[in-house]
Amino acid sequence: MKVNPTKVALKLEYDGTNYFGFQLQANKIEQPTIQGELEKAIKNLTGEELRVLAASRTDTGVHAKGQVVSFRTYSSLSINTLMNGLNHFLPEDIAVKEAYIIPDTFNVRRDVLNREYSYFILNSDTRSPLRRNCTYHVKPHLDAEKMNQASQALLGEHDLASFTSNLVDCKTTRNITRSDVKRTNEIITYNMTSHSFLPHQIRNTVGTLIQVGLGKMNVNDFCDIIKAKKSGLAGPRAPACGLFLMHVNYTKPFGEKN
């Protein structure tokens, strides 16, 4: 064992379908979480009982292509062996894609520049068994151009109280640097980038944009919801299955890659 611990960052990909979010659930140890599975794998590999820190606490059923976590280890295993060993012990729906040795001062949450999320809608007459866990099926035709037009109103700094129903603090202003809707055949993708998000903000946004796409709401109505700054006004909330944490971007480089 090393005298001084090594700080490690991992880039994770996971299917969140079978998990109660990333974070361990208080007083609900029996409920599986991404954090719980990862910490279990670390213990099986190194014998260490520790806590990992995540860049973003994804909710129940939400997926990730580029989640980032960190922890300190006294293990003498090489970074590549550590990555391969964790993948051996992790379940098939969670994988370590990259591993880094990072400076002790680097904080995977505090040093974030922004987080990129995407939401995928299957806009098709028929459901897809193969895509059921990673898209939200909407049968009626959606006007993606109108949805995109509405989404542009979110760009910049706004008070987004209307897009959350769980106000955890008094600050509801967020700076949105990307907000757009694109259609590729029967898949409609909503992309949103910001430094941080309010609880359920993206899913409430998607649910409201779907109303625009269905013609039940126009672009001005969408803008009025933004201006209202009234908690719980947006929605209905889209289900978690279509939401992915795509990338976490940082203000400075990680460190030594595997």
C-alpha atoms as a PDB file:
ATOM      1  CA  MET A   1       0.000   0.000   0.000  1.00  0.00           C
ATOM      2  CA  LYS A   2       1.188   3.532  -0.746  1.00  0.00           C
ATOM      3  CA  VAL A   3       2.043   5.987   2.029  1.00  0.00           C
ATOM      4  CA  ASN A   4       0.166   8.803   0.280  1.00  0.00           C
ATOM      5  CA  PRO A   5      -3.095   8.227  -1.594  1.00  0.00           C
ATOM      6  CA  THR A   6      -3.444   8.717  -5.335  1.00  0.00           C
ATOM      7  CA  LYS A   7      -6.381  10.760  -6.565  1.00  0.00           C
ATOM      8  CA  VAL A   8      -8.139   9.118  -9.491  1.00  0.00           C
ATOM      9  CA  ALA A   9     -10.814  10.346 -11.874  1.00  0.00           C
ATOM     10  CA  LEU A  10     -12.984   7.982 -13.891  1.00  0.00           C
ATOM     11  CA  LYS A  11     -15.172   8.638 -16.910  1.00  0.00           C
ATOM     12  CA  LEU A  12     -18.257   6.422 -16.640  1.00  0.00           C
ATOM     13  CA  GLU A  13     -20.886   5.228 -19.056  1.00  0.00           C
ATOM     14  CA  TYR A  14     -24.046   3.645 -17.688  1.00  0.00           C
ATOM     15  CA  ASP A  15     -27.604   2.619 -18.400  1.00  0.00           C
ATOM     16  CA  GLY A  16     -29.561   4.060 -15.490  1.00  0.00           C
ATOM     17  CA  THR A  17     -32.717   2.008 -16.074  1.00  0.00           C
ATOM     18  CA  ASN A  18     -32.248  -0.314 -13.103  1.00  0.00           C
ATOM     19  CA  TYR A  19     -30.863   2.277 -10.669  1.00  0.00           C
ATOM     20  CA  PHE A  20     -32.298   4.822  -8.255  1.00  0.00           C
ATOM     21  CA  GLY A  21     -30.012   7.521  -9.602  1.00  0.00           C
ATOM     22  CA  PHE A  22     -26.300   8.016  -9.117  1.00  0.00           C
ATOM     23  CA  GLN A  23     -26.214   8.933  -5.445  1.00  0.00           C
ATOM     24  CA  LEU A  24     -26.605   6.567  -2.507  1.00  0.00           C
ATOM     25  CA  GLN A  25     -30.115   6.797  -1.080  1.00  0.00           C
ATOM     26  CA  ALA A  26     -30.361   7.795   2.585  1.00  0.00           C
ATOM     27  CA  ASN A  27     -31.964   5.018   4.650  1.00  0.00           C
ATOM     28  CA  LYS A  28     -32.566   3.029   1.452  1.00  0.00           C
ATOM     29  CA  ILE A  29     -29.437   0.886   1.272  1.00  0.00           C
ATOM     30  CA  GLU A  30     -31.306  -1.899  -0.497  1.00  0.00           C
ATOM     31  CA  GLN A  31     -32.052   0.326  -3.512  1.00  0.00           C
ATOM     32  CA  PRO A  32     -29.323   0.011  -6.180  1.00  0.00           C
ATOM     33  CA  THR A  33     -27.461   3.164  -7.249  1.00  0.00           C
ATOM     34  CA  ILE A  34     -24.540   3.826  -9.585  1.00  0.00           C
ATOM     35  CA  GLN A  35     -22.466   5.102  -6.663  1.00  0.00           C
ATOM     36  CA  GLY A  36     -23.221   1.994  -4.628  1.00  0.00           C
ATOM     37  CA  GLU A  37     -22.158  -0.348  -7.437  1.00  0.00           C
ATOM     38  CA  LEU A  38     -18.972   1.612  -8.083  1.00  0.00           C
ATOM     39  CA  GLU A  39     -17.961   1.706  -4.421  1.00  0.00           C
ATOM     40  CA  LYS A  40     -18.673  -2.015  -4.168  1.00  0.00           C
ATOM     41  CA  ALA A  41     -16.405  -2.667  -7.171  1.00  0.00           C
ATOM     42  CA  ILE A  42     -13.619  -0.548  -5.648  1.00  0.00           C
ATOM     43  CA  LYS A  43     -13.844  -2.530  -2.412  1.00  0.00           C
ATOM     44  CA  ASN A  44     -13.752  -5.854  -4.277  1.00  0.00           C
ATOM     45  CA  LEU A  45     -10.696  -4.739  -6.241  1.00  0.00           C
ATOM     46  CA  THR A  46      -8.650  -2.861  -3.635  1.00  0.00           C
ATOM     47  CA  GLY A  47     -10.195  -3.814  -0.294  1.00  0.00           C
ATOM     48  CA  GLU A  48     -10.862  -0.127   0.439  1.00  0.00           C
ATOM     49  CA  GLU A  49     -14.160   1.226   1.721  1.00  0.00           C
ATOM     50  CA  LEU A  50     -14.515   4.779   0.461  1.00  0.00           C
ATOM     51  CA  ARG A  51     -16.830   7.344  -1.051  1.00  0.00           C
ATOM     52  CA  VAL A  52     -16.682   8.606  -4.626  1.00  0.00           C
ATOM     53  CA  LEU A  53     -17.518  12.154  -5.711  1.00  0.00           C
ATOM     54  CA  ALA A  54     -19.525  12.676  -8.912  1.00  0.00           C
ATOM     55  CA  ALA A  55     -19.577  15.652 -11.253  1.00  0.00           C
ATOM     56  CA  SER A  56     -23.359  15.346 -11.671  1.00  0.00           C
ATOM     57  CA  ARG A  57     -25.966  13.518  -9.577  1.00  0.00           C
ATOM     58  CA  THR A  58     -28.139  11.925 -12.239  1.00  0.00           C
ATOM     59  CA  ASP A  59     -31.682  11.011 -11.174  1.00  0.00           C
ATOM     60  CA  THR A  60     -33.464   7.665 -11.119  1.00  0.00           C
ATOM     61  CA  GLY A  61     -33.513   6.112 -14.593  1.00  0.00           C
ATOM     62  CA  VAL A  62     -31.207   8.718 -16.178  1.00  0.00           C
ATOM     63  CA  HIS A  63     -28.281   7.475 -18.262  1.00  0.00           C
ATOM     64  CA  ALA A  64     -24.730   8.750 -18.778  1.00  0.00           C
ATOM     65  CA  LYS A  65     -22.208   8.613 -21.571  1.00  0.00           C
ATOM     66  CA  GLY A  66     -19.699  10.899 -19.847  1.00  0.00           C
ATOM     67  CA  GLN A  67     -20.192  10.974 -16.075  1.00  0.00           C
ATOM     68  CA  VAL A  68     -17.004  11.834 -14.149  1.00  0.00           C
ATOM     69  CA  VAL A  69     -16.190  10.676 -10.618  1.00  0.00           C
ATOM     70  CA  SER A  70     -13.135  10.817  -8.371  1.00  0.00           C
ATOM     71  CA  PHE A  71     -11.748   9.106  -5.289  1.00  0.00           C
ATOM     72  CA  ARG A  72      -8.478   8.682  -3.400  1.00  0.00           C
ATOM     73  CA  THR A  73      -6.875   5.266  -3.214  1.00  0.00           C
ATOM     74  CA  TYR A  74      -3.876   3.769  -1.426  1.00  0.00           C
ATOM     75  CA  SER A  75      -3.768   0.903  -3.935  1.00  0.00           C
ATOM     76  CA  SER A  76      -0.506   0.373  -5.811  1.00  0.00           C
ATOM     77  CA  LEU A  77      -2.330  -0.871  -8.917  1.00  0.00           C
ATOM     78  CA  SER A  78      -1.509   0.968 -12.128  1.00  0.00           C
ATOM     79  CA  ILE A  79      -4.218   3.258 -13.486  1.00  0.00           C
ATOM     80  CA  ASN A  80      -4.846   0.894 -16.405  1.00  0.00           C
ATOM     81  CA  THR A  81      -5.089  -2.143 -14.125  1.00  0.00           C
ATOM     82  CA  LEU A  82      -7.435  -0.192 -11.863  1.00  0.00           C
ATOM     83  CA  MET A  83      -9.737   0.598 -14.789  1.00  0.00           C
ATOM     84  CA  ASN A  84      -9.769  -2.974 -16.085  1.00  0.00           C
ATOM     85  CA  GLY A  85     -10.246  -4.385 -12.607  1.00  0.00           C
ATOM     86  CA  LEU A  86     -13.217  -2.149 -11.876  1.00  0.00           C
ATOM     87  CA  ASN A  87     -14.823  -3.149 -15.167  1.00  0.00           C
ATOM     88  CA  HIS A  88     -14.413  -6.792 -14.123  1.00  0.00           C
ATOM     89  CA  PHE A  89     -16.391  -6.215 -10.919  1.00  0.00           C
ATOM     90  CA  LEU A  90     -18.959  -3.726 -12.225  1.00  0.00           C
ATOM     91  CA  PRO A  91     -22.312  -4.949 -13.606  1.00  0.00           C
ATOM     92  CA  GLU A  92     -22.754  -4.978 -17.371  1.00  0.00           C
ATOM     93  CA  ASP A  93     -24.788  -1.754 -17.418  1.00  0.00           C
ATOM     94  CA  ILE A  94     -21.942   0.311 -15.889  1.00  0.00           C
ATOM     95  CA  ALA A  95     -18.472   0.729 -17.397  1.00  0.00           C
ATOM     96  CA  VAL A  96     -15.329   2.764 -16.790  1.00  0.00           C
ATOM     97  CA  LYS A  97     -14.388   4.202 -20.193  1.00  0.00           C
ATOM     98  CA  GLU A  98     -11.329   6.242 -19.152  1.00  0.00           C
ATOM     99  CA  ALA A  99      -9.208   6.644 -16.022  1.00  0.00           C
ATOM    100  CA  TYR A 100      -6.828   9.414 -14.948  1.00  0.00           C
ATOM    101  CA  ILE A 101      -4.433  10.261 -12.159  1.00  0.00           C
ATOM    102  CA  ILE A 102      -5.351  13.819 -11.183  1.00  0.00           C
ATOM    103  CA  PRO A 103      -3.822  16.462  -8.889  1.00  0.00           C
ATOM    104  CA  ASP A 104      -5.090  16.373  -5.335  1.00  0.00           C
ATOM    105  CA  THR A 105      -6.373  19.929  -5.785  1.00  0.00           C
ATOM    106  CA  PHE A 106      -8.566  18.992  -8.766  1.00  0.00           C
ATOM    107  CA  ASN A 107     -12.257  18.766  -7.838  1.00  0.00           C
ATOM    108  CA  VAL A 108     -14.488  16.985 -10.351  1.00  0.00           C
ATOM    109  CA  ARG A 109     -17.536  18.964  -9.213  1.00  0.00           C
ATOM    110  CA  ARG A 110     -16.138  22.383  -8.325  1.00  0.00           C
ATOM    111  CA  ASP A 111     -13.874  22.713 -11.394  1.00  0.00           C
ATOM    112  CA  VAL A 112     -16.645  22.018 -13.916  1.00  0.00           C
ATOM    113  CA  LEU A 113     -16.979  24.492 -16.785  1.00  0.00           C
ATOM    114  CA  ASN A 114     -20.305  23.072 -17.947  1.00  0.00           C
ATOM    115  CA  ARG A 115     -22.389  19.908 -18.253  1.00  0.00           C
ATOM    116  CA  GLU A 116     -23.936  18.725 -21.513  1.00  0.00           C
ATOM    117  CA  TYR A 117     -27.212  16.793 -21.505  1.00  0.00           C
ATOM    118  CA  SER A 118     -29.225  15.334 -24.378  1.00  0.00           C
ATOM    119  CA  TYR A 119     -32.793  14.049 -24.400  1.00  0.00           C
ATOM    120  CA  PHE A 120     -33.880  11.570 -27.083  1.00  0.00           C
ATOM    121  CA  ILE A 121     -37.469  11.265 -28.345  1.00  0.00           C
ATOM    122  CA  LEU A 122     -38.609   8.448 -30.630  1.00  0.00           C
ATOM    123  CA  ASN A 123     -41.236  10.168 -32.786  1.00  0.00           C
ATOM    124  CA  SER A 124     -42.710   7.171 -34.543  1.00  0.00           C
ATOM    125  CA  ASP A 125     -46.064   5.484 -35.199  1.00  0.00           C
ATOM    126  CA  THR A 126     -44.778   2.352 -33.490  1.00  0.00           C
ATOM    127  CA  ARG A 127     -42.747   1.806 -30.346  1.00  0.00           C
ATOM    128  CA  SER A 128     -39.268   0.289 -30.502  1.00  0.00           C
ATOM    129  CA  PRO A 129     -38.450  -2.565 -28.108  1.00  0.00           C
ATOM    130  CA  LEU A 130     -34.732  -1.998 -28.708  1.00  0.00           C
ATOM    131  CA  ARG A 131     -34.962   1.707 -27.844  1.00  0.00           C
ATOM    132  CA  ARG A 132     -37.460   1.507 -24.982  1.00  0.00           C
ATOM    133  CA  ASN A 133     -34.852   2.207 -22.270  1.00  0.00           C
ATOM    134  CA  CYS A 134     -33.066   5.054 -24.047  1.00  0.00           C
ATOM    135  CA  THR A 135     -35.797   7.091 -25.752  1.00  0.00           C
ATOM    136  CA  TYR A 136     -39.228   8.474 -24.948  1.00  0.00           C
ATOM    137  CA  HIS A 137     -41.776   7.278 -27.488  1.00  0.00           C
ATOM    138  CA  VAL A 138     -44.172   9.968 -28.720  1.00  0.00           C
ATOM    139  CA  LYS A 139     -46.540   8.704 -31.427  1.00  0.00           C
ATOM    140  CA  PRO A 140     -48.137  11.906 -32.825  1.00  0.00           C
ATOM    141  CA  HIS A 141     -45.967  13.850 -35.240  1.00  0.00           C
ATOM    142  CA  LEU A 142     -43.881  16.559 -33.575  1.00  0.00           C
ATOM    143  CA  ASP A 143     -42.927  19.805 -35.297  1.00  0.00           C
ATOM    144  CA  ALA A 144     -39.212  19.801 -34.470  1.00  0.00           C
ATOM    145  CA  GLU A 145     -38.668  23.189 -36.120  1.00  0.00           C
ATOM    146  CA  LYS A 146     -41.211  24.862 -33.838  1.00  0.00           C
ATOM    147  CA  MET A 147     -39.695  23.056 -30.846  1.00  0.00           C
ATOM    148  CA  ASN A 148     -36.259  24.340 -31.809  1.00  0.00           C
ATOM    149  CA  GLN A 149     -37.571  27.868 -32.252  1.00  0.00           C
ATOM    150  CA  ALA A 150     -39.058  27.778 -28.753  1.00  0.00           C
ATOM    151  CA  SER A 151     -35.919  26.295 -27.252  1.00  0.00           C
ATOM    152  CA  GLN A 152     -33.857  29.284 -28.418  1.00  0.00           C
ATOM    153  CA  ALA A 153     -35.704  31.464 -25.899  1.00  0.00           C
ATOM    154  CA  LEU A 154     -33.809  29.699 -23.117  1.00  0.00           C
ATOM    155  CA  LEU A 155     -30.370  30.776 -24.338  1.00  0.00           C
ATOM    156  CA  GLY A 156     -28.573  33.138 -21.988  1.00  0.00           C
ATOM    157  CA  GLU A 157     -29.218  33.920 -18.348  1.00  0.00           C
ATOM    158  CA  HIS A 158     -32.786  33.485 -17.112  1.00  0.00           C
ATOM    159  CA  ASP A 159     -34.719  32.890 -13.939  1.00  0.00           C
ATOM    160  CA  LEU A 160     -35.958  29.341 -14.646  1.00  0.00           C
ATOM    161  CA  ALA A 161     -38.178  28.851 -11.598  1.00  0.00           C
ATOM    162  CA  SER A 162     -41.021  27.761 -13.908  1.00  0.00           C
ATOM    163  CA  PHE A 163     -39.020  24.711 -14.963  1.00  0.00           C
ATOM    164  CA  THR A 164     -38.568  23.164 -11.526  1.00  0.00           C
ATOM    165  CA  SER A 165     -41.099  21.887  -9.028  1.00  0.00           C
ATOM    166  CA  ASN A 166     -38.607  21.365  -6.222  1.00  0.00           C
ATOM    167  CA  LEU A 167     -36.975  24.613  -5.154  1.00  0.00           C
ATOM    168  CA  VAL A 168     -33.987  23.530  -3.076  1.00  0.00           C
ATOM    169  CA  ASP A 169     -32.665  27.088  -2.731  1.00  0.00           C
ATOM    170  CA  CYS A 170     -33.700  30.620  -3.564  1.00  0.00           C
ATOM    171  CA  LYS A 171     -31.399  30.949  -6.584  1.00  0.00           C
ATOM    172  CA  THR A 172     -33.184  29.815  -9.742  1.00  0.00           C
ATOM    173  CA  THR A 173     -31.190  31.796 -12.302  1.00  0.00           C
ATOM    174  CA  ARG A 174     -29.177  29.706 -14.747  1.00  0.00           C
ATOM    175  CA  ASN A 175     -27.033  30.581 -17.772  1.00  0.00           C
ATOM    176  CA  ILE A 176     -27.891  28.299 -20.702  1.00  0.00           C
ATOM    177  CA  THR A 177     -25.164  28.174 -23.356  1.00  0.00           C
ATOM    178  CA  ARG A 178     -26.824  25.600 -25.608  1.00  0.00           C
ATOM    179  CA  SER A 179     -30.500  24.856 -26.191  1.00  0.00           C
ATOM    180  CA  ASP A 180     -31.590  23.313 -29.482  1.00  0.00           C
ATOM    181  CA  VAL A 181     -33.790  20.642 -31.017  1.00  0.00           C
ATOM    182  CA  LYS A 182     -32.739  18.523 -33.992  1.00  0.00           C
ATOM    183  CA  ARG A 183     -34.522  15.785 -35.933  1.00  0.00           C
ATOM    184  CA  THR A 184     -32.709  12.864 -37.553  1.00  0.00           C
ATOM    185  CA  ASN A 185     -35.326  10.683 -39.218  1.00  0.00           C
ATOM    186  CA  GLU A 186     -37.596   9.518 -36.370  1.00  0.00           C
ATOM    187  CA  ILE A 187     -35.272  10.608 -33.535  1.00  0.00           C
ATOM    188  CA  ILE A 188     -35.700  14.098 -32.109  1.00  0.00           C
ATOM    189  CA  THR A 189     -32.866  15.244 -29.848  1.00  0.00           C
ATOM    190  CA  TYR A 190     -32.958  18.112 -27.392  1.00  0.00           C
ATOM    191  CA  ASN A 191     -29.531  19.401 -26.276  1.00  0.00           C
ATOM    192  CA  MET A 192     -28.964  21.616 -23.258  1.00  0.00           C
ATOM    193  CA  THR A 193     -25.674  22.860 -21.822  1.00  0.00           C
ATOM    194  CA  SER A 194     -25.139  24.839 -18.630  1.00  0.00           C
ATOM    195  CA  HIS A 195     -22.846  24.992 -15.653  1.00  0.00           C
ATOM    196  CA  SER A 196     -25.627  23.672 -13.420  1.00  0.00           C
ATOM    197  CA  PHE A 197     -29.319  22.778 -13.528  1.00  0.00           C
ATOM    198  CA  LEU A 198     -32.374  22.997 -11.317  1.00  0.00           C
ATOM    199  CA  PRO A 199     -34.056  19.747 -10.204  1.00  0.00           C
ATOM    200  CA  HIS A 200     -35.891  18.165 -13.172  1.00  0.00           C
ATOM    201  CA  GLN A 201     -35.204  21.267 -15.267  1.00  0.00           C
ATOM    202  CA  ILE A 202     -34.346  19.424 -18.481  1.00  0.00           C
ATOM    203  CA  ARG A 203     -37.208  16.932 -18.313  1.00  0.00           C
ATOM    204  CA  ASN A 204     -39.709  19.714 -17.566  1.00  0.00           C
ATOM    205  CA  THR A 205     -38.272  21.671 -20.489  1.00  0.00           C
ATOM    206  CA  VAL A 206     -38.626  18.689 -22.828  1.00  0.00           C
ATOM    207  CA  GLY A 207     -42.193  18.078 -21.693  1.00  0.00           C
ATOM    208  CA  THR A 208     -43.080  21.689 -22.471  1.00  0.00           C
ATOM    209  CA  LEU A 209     -41.327  21.601 -25.844  1.00  0.00           C
ATOM    210  CA  ILE A 210     -43.322  18.495 -26.730  1.00  0.00           C
ATOM    211  CA  GLN A 211     -46.493  20.539 -26.146  1.00  0.00           C
ATOM    212  CA  VAL A 212     -45.111  23.048 -28.669  1.00  0.00           C
ATOM    213  CA  GLY A 213     -44.321  20.236 -31.097  1.00  0.00           C
ATOM    214  CA  LEU A 214     -47.860  18.882 -30.790  1.00  0.00           C
ATOM    215  CA  GLY A 215     -49.352  22.311 -31.496  1.00  0.00           C
ATOM    216  CA  LYS A 216     -50.925  22.519 -28.035  1.00  0.00           C
ATOM    217  CA  MET A 217     -48.735  25.513 -27.237  1.00  0.00           C
ATOM    218  CA  ASN A 218     -47.047  28.115 -29.423  1.00  0.00           C
ATOM    219  CA  VAL A 219     -43.637  29.740 -29.114  1.00  0.00           C
ATOM    220  CA  ASN A 220     -45.077  32.792 -27.371  1.00  0.00           C
ATOM    221  CA  ASP A 221     -46.751  30.543 -24.788  1.00  0.00           C
ATOM    222  CA  PHE A 222     -43.389  28.927 -24.126  1.00  0.00           C
ATOM    223  CA  CYS A 223     -41.779  32.333 -23.661  1.00  0.00           C
ATOM    224  CA  ASP A 224     -44.564  33.339 -21.285  1.00  0.00           C
ATOM    225  CA  ILE A 225     -43.748  30.323 -19.103  1.00  0.00           C
ATOM    226  CA  ILE A 226     -40.143  31.502 -18.865  1.00  0.00           C
ATOM    227  CA  LYS A 227     -41.241  35.023 -17.962  1.00  0.00           C
ATOM    228  CA  ALA A 228     -43.738  33.831 -15.332  1.00  0.00           C
ATOM    229  CA  LYS A 229     -40.992  32.490 -13.020  1.00  0.00           C
ATOM    230  CA  LYS A 230     -43.581  30.326 -11.268  1.00  0.00           C
ATOM    231  CA  SER A 231     -42.477  26.976  -9.831  1.00  0.00           C
ATOM    232  CA  GLY A 232     -44.098  23.955 -11.463  1.00  0.00           C
ATOM    233  CA  LEU A 233     -45.573  25.861 -14.409  1.00  0.00           C
ATOM    234  CA  ALA A 234     -43.665  23.936 -17.112  1.00  0.00           C
ATOM    235  CA  GLY A 235     -44.367  20.380 -18.127  1.00  0.00           C
ATOM    236  CA  PRO A 236     -45.686  17.761 -18.038  1.00  0.00           C
ATOM    237  CA  ARG A 237     -42.322  16.273 -17.086  1.00  0.00           C
ATOM    238  CA  ALA A 238     -40.833  13.910 -19.667  1.00  0.00           C
ATOM    239  CA  PRO A 239     -39.794  10.485 -18.344  1.00  0.00           C
ATOM    240  CA  ALA A 240     -36.214   9.789 -17.301  1.00  0.00           C
ATOM    241  CA  CYS A 241     -35.560   7.109 -19.943  1.00  0.00           C
ATOM    242  CA  GLY A 242     -34.668   9.607 -22.679  1.00  0.00           C
ATOM    243  CA  LEU A 243     -32.184  11.700 -20.689  1.00  0.00           C
ATOM    244  CA  PHE A 244     -28.401  11.311 -20.984  1.00  0.00           C
ATOM    245  CA  LEU A 245     -25.499  13.123 -19.338  1.00  0.00           C
ATOM    246  CA  MET A 246     -23.289  13.354 -22.424  1.00  0.00           C
ATOM    247  CA  HIS A 247     -20.187  15.282 -21.337  1.00  0.00           C
ATOM    248  CA  VAL A 248     -18.691  17.098 -18.379  1.00  0.00           C
ATOM    249  CA  ASN A 249     -16.285  19.835 -19.459  1.00  0.00           C
ATOM    250  CA  TYR A 250     -13.624  21.330 -17.208  1.00  0.00           C
ATOM    251  CA  THR A 251     -11.798  24.611 -16.831  1.00  0.00           C
ATOM    252  CA  LYS A 252      -8.435  22.810 -16.892  1.00  0.00           C
ATOM    253  CA  PRO A 253      -7.064  19.446 -18.085  1.00  0.00           C
ATOM    254  CA  PHE A 254      -7.524  16.298 -15.996  1.00  0.00           C
ATOM    255  CA  GLY A 255      -4.050  14.892 -15.593  1.00  0.00           C
ATOM    256  CA  GLU A 256      -2.311  11.636 -16.525  1.00  0.00           C
ATOM    257  CA  LYS A 257      -4.551   9.416 -18.631  1.00  0.00           C
ATOM    258  CA  ASN A 258      -4.504   5.608 -18.518  1.00  0.00           C
END
